[in-house]
Amino acid sequence: MANVTIRDATDKDIPIILGLLYDLGRPKPQQDSDVDSFRKLVKNYIQDSDKKLLVAVFDDVKIVGMISVLLLSRLNRDTLEMYIPELIVLEKHQGQGIGKKLITSCITYATKKKYHRIRLESGNQRTNSHEFYKHLGFEQSSLSFTKNL
């Protein structure tokens, strides 16, 4: 973990970020126009002040992980909530503290900004991830329901 640094993502990182998302099982482009659309979505995410996209860089060269963040206002709170939609570490780099370093970066940032909580979701099938989050002090506080359209 000593050789891993966390930094804000840049436009140059977009192809790697898309690859990480595909590794997580996110939709892959079906045609060339989809690739351009996905690149634009990530670029907009990087530029949006209500979002953060951090990457974990190994030996100052290779991106081995990423975490995306949404900053949300709530109707019953004066402070923001940090929501983490994606946390991805390349499989061969898992278990080396990189995910923990990404989460810790978010905790440090949210604490400094005085956000009231950090929330994330994890698919039911990702039991190893659930244990990882519990180990970092997260607790299961709700159920999530979705309806695909």
Protein backbone atom coordinates (compact mmCIF):
# COMPACT_ATOMS: atom_id res chain seq x y z
CA MET A 1 0.00 0.00 0.00
CA ALA A 2 2.96 2.34 0.50
CA ASN A 3 3.38 2.58 -3.29
CA VAL A 4 -0.23 3.70 -3.83
CA THR A 5 -1.31 7.32 -3.98
CA ILE A 6 -4.86 8.65 -4.21
CA ARG A 7 -5.57 11.60 -6.48
CA ASP A 8 -8.43 13.28 -8.32
CA ALA A 9 -9.16 11.71 -11.68
CA THR A 10 -8.34 13.64 -14.85
CA ASP A 11 -9.61 13.39 -18.40
CA LYS A 12 -6.51 11.33 -19.28
CA ASP A 13 -7.76 8.63 -16.87
CA ILE A 14 -11.11 8.13 -18.61
CA PRO A 15 -10.20 4.98 -20.63
CA ILE A 16 -8.84 3.27 -17.50
CA ILE A 17 -11.88 4.31 -15.44
CA LEU A 18 -14.20 2.86 -18.07
CA GLY A 19 -12.22 -0.39 -18.00
CA LEU A 20 -12.55 -0.56 -14.23
CA LEU A 21 -16.31 -0.06 -14.50
CA TYR A 22 -16.55 -2.88 -17.05
CA ASP A 23 -14.53 -5.12 -14.68
CA LEU A 24 -17.13 -4.41 -12.00
CA GLY A 25 -19.85 -5.60 -14.36
CA ARG A 26 -21.20 -2.26 -15.49
CA PRO A 27 -22.65 -2.12 -19.02
CA LYS A 28 -20.16 -2.19 -21.88
CA PRO A 29 -20.59 -0.17 -25.05
CA GLN A 30 -22.55 -1.96 -27.75
CA GLN A 31 -21.48 0.38 -30.56
CA ASP A 32 -18.91 3.10 -31.21
CA SER A 33 -21.33 5.89 -30.32
CA ASP A 34 -21.74 4.30 -26.87
CA VAL A 35 -17.99 4.61 -26.24
CA ASP A 36 -18.13 8.35 -26.93
CA SER A 37 -21.21 8.68 -24.74
CA PHE A 38 -19.57 6.80 -21.84
CA ARG A 39 -16.41 8.92 -22.14
CA LYS A 40 -18.51 12.08 -22.03
CA LEU A 41 -20.39 10.83 -18.94
CA VAL A 42 -17.11 10.25 -17.07
CA LYS A 43 -15.72 13.61 -18.22
CA ASN A 44 -18.85 15.38 -16.97
CA TYR A 45 -18.56 13.50 -13.67
CA ILE A 46 -14.96 14.70 -13.25
CA GLN A 47 -15.98 18.31 -13.90
CA ASP A 48 -19.12 18.36 -11.70
CA SER A 49 -18.59 20.11 -8.35
CA ASP A 50 -21.23 17.89 -6.69
CA LYS A 51 -19.20 14.79 -7.56
CA LYS A 52 -15.70 13.46 -6.99
CA LEU A 53 -13.82 10.75 -8.79
CA LEU A 54 -10.63 9.53 -7.17
CA VAL A 55 -8.12 7.04 -8.54
CA ALA A 56 -5.57 4.86 -6.79
CA VAL A 57 -2.24 4.98 -8.60
CA PHE A 58 0.38 2.26 -8.06
CA ASP A 59 4.05 3.32 -8.31
CA ASP A 60 2.99 6.68 -9.78
CA VAL A 61 2.21 4.87 -13.04
CA LYS A 62 -0.72 2.46 -13.11
CA ILE A 63 -4.29 3.12 -11.98
CA VAL A 64 -5.39 0.09 -9.96
CA GLY A 65 -8.59 1.39 -8.40
CA MET A 66 -11.19 4.14 -8.27
CA ILE A 67 -14.00 5.48 -6.15
CA SER A 68 -16.84 7.72 -7.27
CA VAL A 69 -18.65 10.08 -4.94
CA LEU A 70 -21.87 12.10 -5.09
CA LEU A 71 -22.43 14.94 -2.66
CA LEU A 72 -26.13 15.05 -1.79
CA SER A 73 -28.26 17.51 0.10
CA ARG A 74 -31.09 16.14 2.21
CA LEU A 75 -34.35 17.83 3.13
CA ASN A 76 -33.84 17.28 6.85
CA ARG A 77 -30.13 18.13 7.20
CA ASP A 78 -28.08 21.30 6.95
CA THR A 79 -25.01 19.33 5.92
CA LEU A 80 -24.30 17.17 2.91
CA GLU A 81 -24.25 13.40 2.65
CA MET A 82 -21.48 11.65 0.75
CA TYR A 83 -22.79 8.78 -1.37
CA ILE A 84 -20.37 6.28 -2.93
CA PRO A 85 -21.83 4.60 -6.04
CA GLU A 86 -18.65 2.74 -7.08
CA LEU A 87 -15.53 1.43 -5.41
CA ILE A 88 -13.38 -0.72 -7.66
CA VAL A 89 -9.94 -2.24 -7.17
CA LEU A 90 -8.42 -4.46 -9.84
CA GLU A 91 -8.74 -8.07 -8.72
CA LYS A 92 -5.00 -8.75 -8.67
CA HIS A 93 -4.52 -5.74 -6.36
CA GLN A 94 -7.32 -6.57 -3.93
CA GLY A 95 -6.40 -7.38 -0.34
CA GLN A 96 -3.49 -4.91 -0.37
CA GLY A 97 -5.22 -2.02 1.42
CA ILE A 98 -6.05 -0.02 -1.71
CA GLY A 99 -9.82 -0.07 -1.17
CA LYS A 100 -9.25 0.94 2.44
CA LYS A 101 -7.04 3.82 1.30
CA LEU A 102 -9.74 5.02 -1.13
CA ILE A 103 -12.46 4.83 1.55
CA THR A 104 -10.19 6.52 4.11
CA SER A 105 -9.60 9.38 1.66
CA CYS A 106 -13.37 9.84 1.43
CA ILE A 107 -13.81 9.68 5.21
CA THR A 108 -11.06 12.29 5.69
CA TYR A 109 -12.61 14.59 3.09
CA ALA A 110 -16.17 14.18 4.47
CA THR A 111 -14.98 14.79 8.03
CA LYS A 112 -13.08 17.92 7.01
CA LYS A 113 -16.15 19.24 5.17
CA LYS A 114 -18.40 18.31 8.14
CA TYR A 115 -20.76 16.07 6.14
CA HIS A 116 -23.24 14.21 8.30
CA ARG A 117 -22.61 10.72 6.88
CA ILE A 118 -21.18 8.54 4.16
CA ARG A 119 -23.53 6.07 2.53
CA LEU A 120 -22.94 3.34 -0.02
CA GLU A 121 -24.68 0.33 -1.47
CA SER A 122 -23.30 -3.10 -2.21
CA GLY A 123 -24.96 -5.81 -4.28
CA ASN A 124 -26.43 -8.71 -2.32
CA GLN A 125 -23.98 -11.11 -4.00
CA ARG A 126 -20.89 -9.16 -2.88
CA THR A 127 -20.54 -10.73 0.55
CA ASN A 128 -16.77 -10.13 0.70
CA SER A 129 -17.41 -6.43 0.10
CA HIS A 130 -19.98 -6.40 2.91
CA GLU A 131 -17.38 -7.73 5.34
CA PHE A 132 -14.86 -5.18 4.07
CA TYR A 133 -17.26 -2.29 4.72
CA LYS A 134 -18.16 -3.60 8.18
CA HIS A 135 -14.46 -3.88 9.00
CA LEU A 136 -14.09 -0.18 8.11
CA GLY A 137 -16.88 0.80 10.52
CA PHE A 138 -19.86 0.89 8.16
CA GLU A 139 -23.08 -0.72 9.30
CA GLN A 140 -26.04 -1.99 7.36
CA SER A 141 -28.71 0.62 7.99
CA SER A 142 -31.33 0.01 5.33
CA LEU A 143 -32.51 -2.09 2.44
CA SER A 144 -32.31 -0.82 -1.10
CA PHE A 145 -35.04 -1.38 -3.65
CA THR A 146 -34.79 -0.88 -7.40
CA LYS A 147 -37.11 -1.02 -10.35
CA ASN A 148 -35.44 -1.29 -13.74
CA LEU A 149 -37.16 0.66 -16.50
